[in-house]
Amino acid sequence: MLFMLEGAALVQEYGKALNPLNELMKRISDVMGKAKSAEPEQAQLPPPEVPKKLEAPQKKLEAPKNGNFSRDLDNDIPF
């Protein structure tokens, strides 16, 4: 119990010692906030361009009909 009281007293002492630093940080943040509010608004980026579309695939040619196709090539091709 005595250890907790000593710890609390130590924290209070350090808190008092750090109070000037805390006030300085508060003043700096106030100055920065005022400077930031005085700045003009930044320009917005333009909207993105419409992406280019790909062309549709071309229609394929129809396969030759049975009457126009010659089976003579089957003998020439070894596989």
C-alpha atoms as a PDB file:
ATOM      1  CA  MET A   1       0.000   0.000   0.000  1.00  0.00           C
ATOM      2  CA  LEU A   2       2.841   2.336   0.868  1.00  0.00           C
ATOM      3  CA  PHE A   3       4.437   1.545  -2.525  1.00  0.00           C
ATOM      4  CA  MET A   4       1.275   2.741  -4.328  1.00  0.00           C
ATOM      5  CA  LEU A   5       1.210   5.988  -2.359  1.00  0.00           C
ATOM      6  CA  GLU A   6       4.879   6.612  -3.148  1.00  0.00           C
ATOM      7  CA  GLY A   7       4.157   5.906  -6.829  1.00  0.00           C
ATOM      8  CA  ALA A   8       1.202   8.312  -6.872  1.00  0.00           C
ATOM      9  CA  ALA A   9       3.285  11.044  -5.230  1.00  0.00           C
ATOM     10  CA  LEU A  10       6.046  10.497  -7.763  1.00  0.00           C
ATOM     11  CA  VAL A  11       3.599  10.723 -10.675  1.00  0.00           C
ATOM     12  CA  GLN A  12       2.153  13.925  -9.251  1.00  0.00           C
ATOM     13  CA  GLU A  13       5.636  15.413  -8.891  1.00  0.00           C
ATOM     14  CA  TYR A  14       6.576  14.523 -12.479  1.00  0.00           C
ATOM     15  CA  GLY A  15       3.230  15.885 -13.680  1.00  0.00           C
ATOM     16  CA  LYS A  16       3.981  19.235 -12.079  1.00  0.00           C
ATOM     17  CA  ALA A  17       7.485  19.222 -13.559  1.00  0.00           C
ATOM     18  CA  LEU A  18       6.136  18.496 -17.046  1.00  0.00           C
ATOM     19  CA  ASN A  19       3.356  21.096 -16.865  1.00  0.00           C
ATOM     20  CA  PRO A  20       5.426  23.883 -18.535  1.00  0.00           C
ATOM     21  CA  LEU A  21       6.302  21.548 -21.369  1.00  0.00           C
ATOM     22  CA  ASN A  22       2.642  20.605 -21.746  1.00  0.00           C
ATOM     23  CA  GLU A  23       1.651  24.289 -21.908  1.00  0.00           C
ATOM     24  CA  LEU A  24       4.340  24.943 -24.525  1.00  0.00           C
ATOM     25  CA  MET A  25       3.057  22.082 -26.678  1.00  0.00           C
ATOM     26  CA  LYS A  26      -0.504  23.430 -26.369  1.00  0.00           C
ATOM     27  CA  ARG A  27       0.606  26.913 -27.502  1.00  0.00           C
ATOM     28  CA  ILE A  28       2.532  25.479 -30.440  1.00  0.00           C
ATOM     29  CA  SER A  29      -0.473  23.432 -31.552  1.00  0.00           C
ATOM     30  CA  ASP A  30      -2.729  26.506 -31.256  1.00  0.00           C
ATOM     31  CA  VAL A  31      -0.367  28.550 -33.445  1.00  0.00           C
ATOM     32  CA  MET A  32      -0.145  25.732 -35.994  1.00  0.00           C
ATOM     33  CA  GLY A  33      -3.937  25.379 -36.024  1.00  0.00           C
ATOM     34  CA  LYS A  34      -4.422  29.091 -36.688  1.00  0.00           C
ATOM     35  CA  ALA A  35      -1.813  29.043 -39.458  1.00  0.00           C
ATOM     36  CA  LYS A  36      -3.465  26.024 -41.037  1.00  0.00           C
ATOM     37  CA  SER A  37      -6.912  27.639 -40.967  1.00  0.00           C
ATOM     38  CA  ALA A  38      -5.473  30.789 -42.601  1.00  0.00           C
ATOM     39  CA  GLU A  39      -4.093  28.802 -45.563  1.00  0.00           C
ATOM     40  CA  PRO A  40      -6.159  28.791 -48.750  1.00  0.00           C
ATOM     41  CA  GLU A  41      -7.898  25.582 -49.682  1.00  0.00           C
ATOM     42  CA  GLN A  42      -5.821  23.305 -51.847  1.00  0.00           C
ATOM     43  CA  ALA A  43      -7.038  22.744 -55.376  1.00  0.00           C
ATOM     44  CA  GLN A  44      -8.851  19.474 -55.894  1.00  0.00           C
ATOM     45  CA  LEU A  45      -7.591  16.936 -58.365  1.00  0.00           C
ATOM     46  CA  PRO A  46      -9.531  16.758 -61.621  1.00  0.00           C
ATOM     47  CA  PRO A  47     -11.885  13.800 -62.012  1.00  0.00           C
ATOM     48  CA  PRO A  48     -10.279  10.740 -63.540  1.00  0.00           C
ATOM     49  CA  GLU A  49     -10.439  10.350 -67.291  1.00  0.00           C
ATOM     50  CA  VAL A  50     -12.842   7.821 -68.729  1.00  0.00           C
ATOM     51  CA  PRO A  51     -10.797   4.704 -69.466  1.00  0.00           C
ATOM     52  CA  LYS A  52     -10.499   3.703 -73.092  1.00  0.00           C
ATOM     53  CA  LYS A  53     -12.579   0.721 -74.050  1.00  0.00           C
ATOM     54  CA  LEU A  54     -11.147  -2.236 -75.869  1.00  0.00           C
ATOM     55  CA  GLU A  55     -12.454  -3.004 -79.295  1.00  0.00           C
ATOM     56  CA  ALA A  56     -14.758  -5.972 -79.647  1.00  0.00           C
ATOM     57  CA  PRO A  57     -13.106  -9.062 -81.121  1.00  0.00           C
ATOM     58  CA  GLN A  58     -13.581  -9.491 -84.841  1.00  0.00           C
ATOM     59  CA  LYS A  59     -15.918 -12.171 -86.024  1.00  0.00           C
ATOM     60  CA  LYS A  60     -14.182 -15.360 -87.029  1.00  0.00           C
ATOM     61  CA  LEU A  61     -14.528 -16.797 -90.483  1.00  0.00           C
ATOM     62  CA  GLU A  62     -16.707 -19.823 -90.885  1.00  0.00           C
ATOM     63  CA  ALA A  63     -15.032 -23.169 -91.379  1.00  0.00           C
ATOM     64  CA  PRO A  64     -15.095 -24.563 -94.896  1.00  0.00           C
ATOM     65  CA  LYS A  65     -18.050 -26.785 -95.659  1.00  0.00           C
ATOM     66  CA  ASN A  66     -17.566 -30.483 -96.345  1.00  0.00           C
ATOM     67  CA  GLY A  67     -17.990 -30.038-100.116  1.00  0.00           C
ATOM     68  CA  ASN A  68     -15.140 -27.497-100.452  1.00  0.00           C
ATOM     69  CA  PHE A  69     -12.576 -29.273 -98.252  1.00  0.00           C
ATOM     70  CA  SER A  70     -10.161 -31.664 -99.867  1.00  0.00           C
ATOM     71  CA  ARG A  71      -8.934 -34.722 -97.960  1.00  0.00           C
ATOM     72  CA  ASP A  72      -5.884 -34.939-100.198  1.00  0.00           C
ATOM     73  CA  LEU A  73      -3.816 -32.995 -97.639  1.00  0.00           C
ATOM     74  CA  ASP A  74      -4.263 -35.773 -95.088  1.00  0.00           C
ATOM     75  CA  ASN A  75      -1.844 -37.957 -97.027  1.00  0.00           C
ATOM     76  CA  ASP A  76       0.796 -35.205 -97.243  1.00  0.00           C
ATOM     77  CA  ILE A  77       0.866 -34.389 -93.520  1.00  0.00           C
ATOM     78  CA  PRO A  78       2.805 -37.066 -91.589  1.00  0.00           C
ATOM     79  CA  PHE A  79       0.979 -36.721 -88.302  1.00  0.00           C
END
